[in-house]
Amino acid sequence: TYTRFIKFLQDEINLSQDSIAMAQ
C-alpha cells in the first residue's frame, strides 16, 4: 500500500522524488 501510495503521489499528484523524500 505504501509503495502504491508513493506511485500515486508521483503519477497523479506530480510530486517530485525530492519532495516525497523530504516528507518521508
PDB file of all heavy atoms in Angstrom:
ATOM      1  N   THR A   1       0.829  -1.201   0.000  1.00  0.00           N
ATOM      2  CA  THR A   1       0.000   0.000   0.000  1.00  0.00           C
ATOM      3  C   THR A   1       0.864   1.251   0.000  1.00  0.00           C
ATOM      4  O   THR A   1       0.586   2.214  -0.726  1.00  0.00           O
ATOM      5  CB  THR A   1      -0.949   0.011   1.213  1.00  0.00           C
ATOM      6  OG1 THR A   1      -1.775  -1.149   1.151  1.00  0.00           O
ATOM      7  CG2 THR A   1      -1.805   1.255   1.241  1.00  0.00           C
ATOM      8  N   TYR A   2       1.930   1.251   0.784  1.00  0.00           N
ATOM      9  CA  TYR A   2       2.821   2.413   0.840  1.00  0.00           C
ATOM     10  C   TYR A   2       3.487   2.628  -0.518  1.00  0.00           C
ATOM     11  O   TYR A   2       3.558   3.764  -1.007  1.00  0.00           O
ATOM     12  CB  TYR A   2       3.872   2.217   1.930  1.00  0.00           C
ATOM     13  CG  TYR A   2       4.721   3.440   2.133  1.00  0.00           C
ATOM     14  CD1 TYR A   2       4.222   4.537   2.816  1.00  0.00           C
ATOM     15  CD2 TYR A   2       6.004   3.515   1.627  1.00  0.00           C
ATOM     16  CE1 TYR A   2       4.990   5.687   2.995  1.00  0.00           C
ATOM     17  CE2 TYR A   2       6.779   4.648   1.800  1.00  0.00           C
ATOM     18  CZ  TYR A   2       6.266   5.722   2.486  1.00  0.00           C
ATOM     19  OH  TYR A   2       7.017   6.845   2.649  1.00  0.00           O
ATOM     20  N   THR A   3       3.935   1.560  -1.143  1.00  0.00           N
ATOM     21  CA  THR A   3       4.564   1.661  -2.452  1.00  0.00           C
ATOM     22  C   THR A   3       3.577   2.209  -3.481  1.00  0.00           C
ATOM     23  O   THR A   3       3.926   3.080  -4.281  1.00  0.00           O
ATOM     24  CB  THR A   3       5.091   0.284  -2.897  1.00  0.00           C
ATOM     25  OG1 THR A   3       6.028  -0.185  -1.915  1.00  0.00           O
ATOM     26  CG2 THR A   3       5.788   0.357  -4.235  1.00  0.00           C
ATOM     27  N   ARG A   4       2.336   1.739  -3.444  1.00  0.00           N
ATOM     28  CA  ARG A   4       1.302   2.246  -4.352  1.00  0.00           C
ATOM     29  C   ARG A   4       1.011   3.712  -4.070  1.00  0.00           C
ATOM     30  O   ARG A   4       0.761   4.491  -4.994  1.00  0.00           O
ATOM     31  CB  ARG A   4       0.026   1.409  -4.222  1.00  0.00           C
ATOM     32  CG  ARG A   4       0.154   0.031  -4.841  1.00  0.00           C
ATOM     33  CD  ARG A   4      -1.124  -0.812  -4.717  1.00  0.00           C
ATOM     34  NE  ARG A   4      -2.302  -0.053  -5.053  1.00  0.00           N
ATOM     35  CZ  ARG A   4      -3.433  -0.064  -4.338  1.00  0.00           C
ATOM     36  NH1 ARG A   4      -3.533  -0.802  -3.259  1.00  0.00           N
ATOM     37  NH2 ARG A   4      -4.465   0.654  -4.711  1.00  0.00           N
ATOM     38  N   PHE A   5       1.021   4.101  -2.789  1.00  0.00           N
ATOM     39  CA  PHE A   5       0.779   5.491  -2.415  1.00  0.00           C
ATOM     40  C   PHE A   5       1.867   6.406  -2.992  1.00  0.00           C
ATOM     41  O   PHE A   5       1.569   7.464  -3.550  1.00  0.00           O
ATOM     42  CB  PHE A   5       0.716   5.613  -0.895  1.00  0.00           C
ATOM     43  CG  PHE A   5       0.485   7.010  -0.398  1.00  0.00           C
ATOM     44  CD1 PHE A   5      -0.652   7.715  -0.746  1.00  0.00           C
ATOM     45  CD2 PHE A   5       1.398   7.624   0.438  1.00  0.00           C
ATOM     46  CE1 PHE A   5      -0.871   9.003  -0.290  1.00  0.00           C
ATOM     47  CE2 PHE A   5       1.194   8.909   0.910  1.00  0.00           C
ATOM     48  CZ  PHE A   5       0.051   9.599   0.535  1.00  0.00           C
ATOM     49  N   ILE A   6       3.111   5.999  -2.891  1.00  0.00           N
ATOM     50  CA  ILE A   6       4.225   6.796  -3.436  1.00  0.00           C
ATOM     51  C   ILE A   6       4.074   6.922  -4.953  1.00  0.00           C
ATOM     52  O   ILE A   6       4.254   8.008  -5.518  1.00  0.00           O
ATOM     53  CB  ILE A   6       5.589   6.174  -3.054  1.00  0.00           C
ATOM     54  CG1 ILE A   6       5.771   6.166  -1.537  1.00  0.00           C
ATOM     55  CG2 ILE A   6       6.732   6.908  -3.751  1.00  0.00           C
ATOM     56  CD1 ILE A   6       5.657   7.528  -0.878  1.00  0.00           C
ATOM     57  N   LYS A   7       3.713   5.833  -5.619  1.00  0.00           N
ATOM     58  CA  LYS A   7       3.497   5.878  -7.074  1.00  0.00           C
ATOM     59  C   LYS A   7       2.348   6.829  -7.414  1.00  0.00           C
ATOM     60  O   LYS A   7       2.439   7.597  -8.379  1.00  0.00           O
ATOM     61  CB  LYS A   7       3.224   4.485  -7.617  1.00  0.00           C
ATOM     62  CG  LYS A   7       3.061   4.441  -9.112  1.00  0.00           C
ATOM     63  CD  LYS A   7       3.215   3.051  -9.648  1.00  0.00           C
ATOM     64  CE  LYS A   7       2.979   2.965 -11.148  1.00  0.00           C
ATOM     65  NZ  LYS A   7       3.647   3.940 -11.958  1.00  0.00           N
ATOM     66  N   PHE A   8       1.275   6.811  -6.620  1.00  0.00           N
ATOM     67  CA  PHE A   8       0.158   7.728  -6.818  1.00  0.00           C
ATOM     68  C   PHE A   8       0.622   9.179  -6.684  1.00  0.00           C
ATOM     69  O   PHE A   8       0.272  10.028  -7.505  1.00  0.00           O
ATOM     70  CB  PHE A   8      -0.947   7.419  -5.796  1.00  0.00           C
ATOM     71  CG  PHE A   8      -2.003   8.478  -5.704  1.00  0.00           C
ATOM     72  CD1 PHE A   8      -2.996   8.576  -6.661  1.00  0.00           C
ATOM     73  CD2 PHE A   8      -2.001   9.387  -4.654  1.00  0.00           C
ATOM     74  CE1 PHE A   8      -3.970   9.564  -6.577  1.00  0.00           C
ATOM     75  CE2 PHE A   8      -2.970  10.361  -4.553  1.00  0.00           C
ATOM     76  CZ  PHE A   8      -3.956  10.459  -5.530  1.00  0.00           C
ATOM     77  N   LEU A   9       1.414   9.469  -5.658  1.00  0.00           N
ATOM     78  CA  LEU A   9       1.915  10.840  -5.468  1.00  0.00           C
ATOM     79  C   LEU A   9       2.741  11.291  -6.667  1.00  0.00           C
ATOM     80  O   LEU A   9       2.653  12.446  -7.088  1.00  0.00           O
ATOM     81  CB  LEU A   9       2.744  10.930  -4.185  1.00  0.00           C
ATOM     82  CG  LEU A   9       1.984  10.778  -2.875  1.00  0.00           C
ATOM     83  CD1 LEU A   9       2.964  10.781  -1.708  1.00  0.00           C
ATOM     84  CD2 LEU A   9       0.934  11.866  -2.706  1.00  0.00           C
ATOM     85  N   GLN A  10       3.531  10.381  -7.228  1.00  0.00           N
ATOM     86  CA  GLN A  10       4.361  10.735  -8.374  1.00  0.00           C
ATOM     87  C   GLN A  10       3.529  10.881  -9.647  1.00  0.00           C
ATOM     88  O   GLN A  10       3.690  11.855 -10.381  1.00  0.00           O
ATOM     89  CB  GLN A  10       5.442   9.674  -8.596  1.00  0.00           C
ATOM     90  CG  GLN A  10       6.468   9.627  -7.506  1.00  0.00           C
ATOM     91  CD  GLN A  10       7.400   8.433  -7.629  1.00  0.00           C
ATOM     92  OE1 GLN A  10       7.009   7.358  -8.065  1.00  0.00           O
ATOM     93  NE2 GLN A  10       8.641   8.633  -7.212  1.00  0.00           N
ATOM     94  N   ASP A  11       2.638   9.919  -9.892  1.00  0.00           N
ATOM     95  CA  ASP A  11       1.916   9.875 -11.165  1.00  0.00           C
ATOM     96  C   ASP A  11       0.697  10.789 -11.207  1.00  0.00           C
ATOM     97  O   ASP A  11       0.455  11.446 -12.220  1.00  0.00           O
ATOM     98  CB  ASP A  11       1.467   8.441 -11.472  1.00  0.00           C
ATOM     99  CG  ASP A  11       2.644   7.496 -11.676  1.00  0.00           C
ATOM    100  OD1 ASP A  11       3.786   7.977 -11.831  1.00  0.00           O
ATOM    101  OD2 ASP A  11       2.419   6.272 -11.668  1.00  0.00           O
ATOM    102  N   GLU A  12      -0.074  10.817 -10.146  1.00  0.00           N
ATOM    103  CA  GLU A  12      -1.338  11.561 -10.166  1.00  0.00           C
ATOM    104  C   GLU A  12      -1.220  12.971  -9.576  1.00  0.00           C
ATOM    105  O   GLU A  12      -1.910  13.883 -10.015  1.00  0.00           O
ATOM    106  CB  GLU A  12      -2.413  10.791  -9.399  1.00  0.00           C
ATOM    107  CG  GLU A  12      -2.715   9.423  -9.979  1.00  0.00           C
ATOM    108  CD  GLU A  12      -3.326   9.491 -11.370  1.00  0.00           C
ATOM    109  OE1 GLU A  12      -4.111  10.422 -11.636  1.00  0.00           O
ATOM    110  OE2 GLU A  12      -3.005   8.613 -12.197  1.00  0.00           O
ATOM    111  N   ILE A  13      -0.393  13.140  -8.566  1.00  0.00           N
ATOM    112  CA  ILE A  13      -0.223  14.451  -7.926  1.00  0.00           C
ATOM    113  C   ILE A  13       0.986  15.184  -8.500  1.00  0.00           C
ATOM    114  O   ILE A  13       1.158  16.370  -8.303  1.00  0.00           O
ATOM    115  CB  ILE A  13      -0.112  14.281  -6.382  1.00  0.00           C
ATOM    116  CG1 ILE A  13      -1.324  13.501  -5.834  1.00  0.00           C
ATOM    117  CG2 ILE A  13       0.010  15.617  -5.675  1.00  0.00           C
ATOM    118  CD1 ILE A  13      -2.665  14.185  -6.039  1.00  0.00           C
ATOM    119  N   ASN A  14       1.824  14.463  -9.231  1.00  0.00           N
ATOM    120  CA  ASN A  14       3.014  15.021  -9.888  1.00  0.00           C
ATOM    121  C   ASN A  14       4.035  15.591  -8.914  1.00  0.00           C
ATOM    122  O   ASN A  14       4.635  16.642  -9.168  1.00  0.00           O
ATOM    123  CB  ASN A  14       2.619  16.075 -10.927  1.00  0.00           C
ATOM    124  CG  ASN A  14       1.792  15.501 -12.046  1.00  0.00           C
ATOM    125  OD1 ASN A  14       2.090  14.416 -12.543  1.00  0.00           O
ATOM    126  ND2 ASN A  14       0.751  16.197 -12.424  1.00  0.00           N
ATOM    127  N   LEU A  15       4.227  14.888  -7.792  1.00  0.00           N
ATOM    128  CA  LEU A  15       5.254  15.319  -6.841  1.00  0.00           C
ATOM    129  C   LEU A  15       6.604  14.751  -7.263  1.00  0.00           C
ATOM    130  O   LEU A  15       6.701  13.617  -7.741  1.00  0.00           O
ATOM    131  CB  LEU A  15       4.925  14.823  -5.437  1.00  0.00           C
ATOM    132  CG  LEU A  15       3.808  15.553  -4.714  1.00  0.00           C
ATOM    133  CD1 LEU A  15       3.557  14.916  -3.365  1.00  0.00           C
ATOM    134  CD2 LEU A  15       4.143  17.018  -4.537  1.00  0.00           C
ATOM    135  N   SER A  16       7.638  15.529  -7.061  1.00  0.00           N
ATOM    136  CA  SER A  16       8.984  15.060  -7.381  1.00  0.00           C
ATOM    137  C   SER A  16       9.462  14.069  -6.324  1.00  0.00           C
ATOM    138  O   SER A  16       8.961  14.047  -5.195  1.00  0.00           O
ATOM    139  CB  SER A  16       9.951  16.242  -7.444  1.00  0.00           C
ATOM    140  OG  SER A  16      10.157  16.767  -6.140  1.00  0.00           O
ATOM    141  N   GLN A  17      10.447  13.289  -6.687  1.00  0.00           N
ATOM    142  CA  GLN A  17      11.035  12.334  -5.749  1.00  0.00           C
ATOM    143  C   GLN A  17      11.651  13.070  -4.561  1.00  0.00           C
ATOM    144  O   GLN A  17      11.583  12.595  -3.429  1.00  0.00           O
ATOM    145  CB  GLN A  17      12.081  11.464  -6.446  1.00  0.00           C
ATOM    146  CG  GLN A  17      12.660  10.377  -5.577  1.00  0.00           C
ATOM    147  CD  GLN A  17      11.602   9.398  -5.087  1.00  0.00           C
ATOM    148  OE1 GLN A  17      10.686   9.029  -5.815  1.00  0.00           O
ATOM    149  NE2 GLN A  17      11.718   8.961  -3.846  1.00  0.00           N
ATOM    150  N   ASP A  18      12.224  14.250  -4.806  1.00  0.00           N
ATOM    151  CA  ASP A  18      12.811  15.031  -3.715  1.00  0.00           C
ATOM    152  C   ASP A  18      11.752  15.486  -2.714  1.00  0.00           C
ATOM    153  O   ASP A  18      11.980  15.442  -1.506  1.00  0.00           O
ATOM    154  CB  ASP A  18      13.550  16.255  -4.266  1.00  0.00           C
ATOM    155  CG  ASP A  18      14.826  15.894  -5.007  1.00  0.00           C
ATOM    156  OD1 ASP A  18      15.358  14.783  -4.779  1.00  0.00           O
ATOM    157  OD2 ASP A  18      15.285  16.713  -5.810  1.00  0.00           O
ATOM    158  N   SER A  19      10.597  15.919  -3.205  1.00  0.00           N
ATOM    159  CA  SER A  19       9.516  16.336  -2.318  1.00  0.00           C
ATOM    160  C   SER A  19       9.010  15.165  -1.486  1.00  0.00           C
ATOM    161  O   SER A  19       8.780  15.294  -0.282  1.00  0.00           O
ATOM    162  CB  SER A  19       8.353  16.917  -3.129  1.00  0.00           C
ATOM    163  OG  SER A  19       8.750  18.090  -3.781  1.00  0.00           O
ATOM    164  N   ILE A  20       8.865  14.032  -2.122  1.00  0.00           N
ATOM    165  CA  ILE A  20       8.400  12.835  -1.416  1.00  0.00           C
ATOM    166  C   ILE A  20       9.427  12.406  -0.383  1.00  0.00           C
ATOM    167  O   ILE A  20       9.079  12.067   0.752  1.00  0.00           O
ATOM    168  CB  ILE A  20       8.096  11.703  -2.409  1.00  0.00           C
ATOM    169  CG1 ILE A  20       6.893  12.108  -3.295  1.00  0.00           C
ATOM    170  CG2 ILE A  20       7.821  10.393  -1.693  1.00  0.00           C
ATOM    171  CD1 ILE A  20       6.654  11.201  -4.477  1.00  0.00           C
ATOM    172  N   ALA A  21      10.698  12.448  -0.738  1.00  0.00           N
ATOM    173  CA  ALA A  21      11.756  12.052   0.197  1.00  0.00           C
ATOM    174  C   ALA A  21      11.776  12.961   1.422  1.00  0.00           C
ATOM    175  O   ALA A  21      11.958  12.480   2.548  1.00  0.00           O
ATOM    176  CB  ALA A  21      13.112  12.070  -0.506  1.00  0.00           C
ATOM    177  N   MET A  22      11.574  14.261   1.214  1.00  0.00           N
ATOM    178  CA  MET A  22      11.555  15.180   2.348  1.00  0.00           C
ATOM    179  C   MET A  22      10.395  14.847   3.280  1.00  0.00           C
ATOM    180  O   MET A  22      10.553  14.800   4.497  1.00  0.00           O
ATOM    181  CB  MET A  22      11.433  16.624   1.877  1.00  0.00           C
ATOM    182  CG  MET A  22      11.536  17.598   3.020  1.00  0.00           C
ATOM    183  SD  MET A  22      10.779  19.192   2.735  1.00  0.00           S
ATOM    184  CE  MET A  22       9.147  18.782   2.231  1.00  0.00           C
ATOM    185  N   ALA A  23       9.233  14.589   2.711  1.00  0.00           N
ATOM    186  CA  ALA A  23       8.072  14.238   3.526  1.00  0.00           C
ATOM    187  C   ALA A  23       8.292  12.910   4.233  1.00  0.00           C
ATOM    188  O   ALA A  23       7.916  12.746   5.396  1.00  0.00           O
ATOM    189  CB  ALA A  23       6.822  14.187   2.659  1.00  0.00           C
ATOM    190  N   GLN A  24       8.922  11.955   3.561  1.00  0.00           N
ATOM    191  CA  GLN A  24       9.185  10.646   4.162  1.00  0.00           C
ATOM    192  C   GLN A  24      10.065  10.767   5.397  1.00  0.00           C
ATOM    193  O   GLN A  24       9.855  10.067   6.383  1.00  0.00           O
ATOM    194  CB  GLN A  24       9.850   9.707   3.150  1.00  0.00           C
ATOM    195  CG  GLN A  24       8.888   9.158   2.142  1.00  0.00           C
ATOM    196  CD  GLN A  24       9.576   8.324   1.081  1.00  0.00           C
ATOM    197  OE1 GLN A  24      10.672   8.657   0.629  1.00  0.00           O
ATOM    198  NE2 GLN A  24       8.934   7.260   0.684  1.00  0.00           N
TER     199      GLN A  24
END
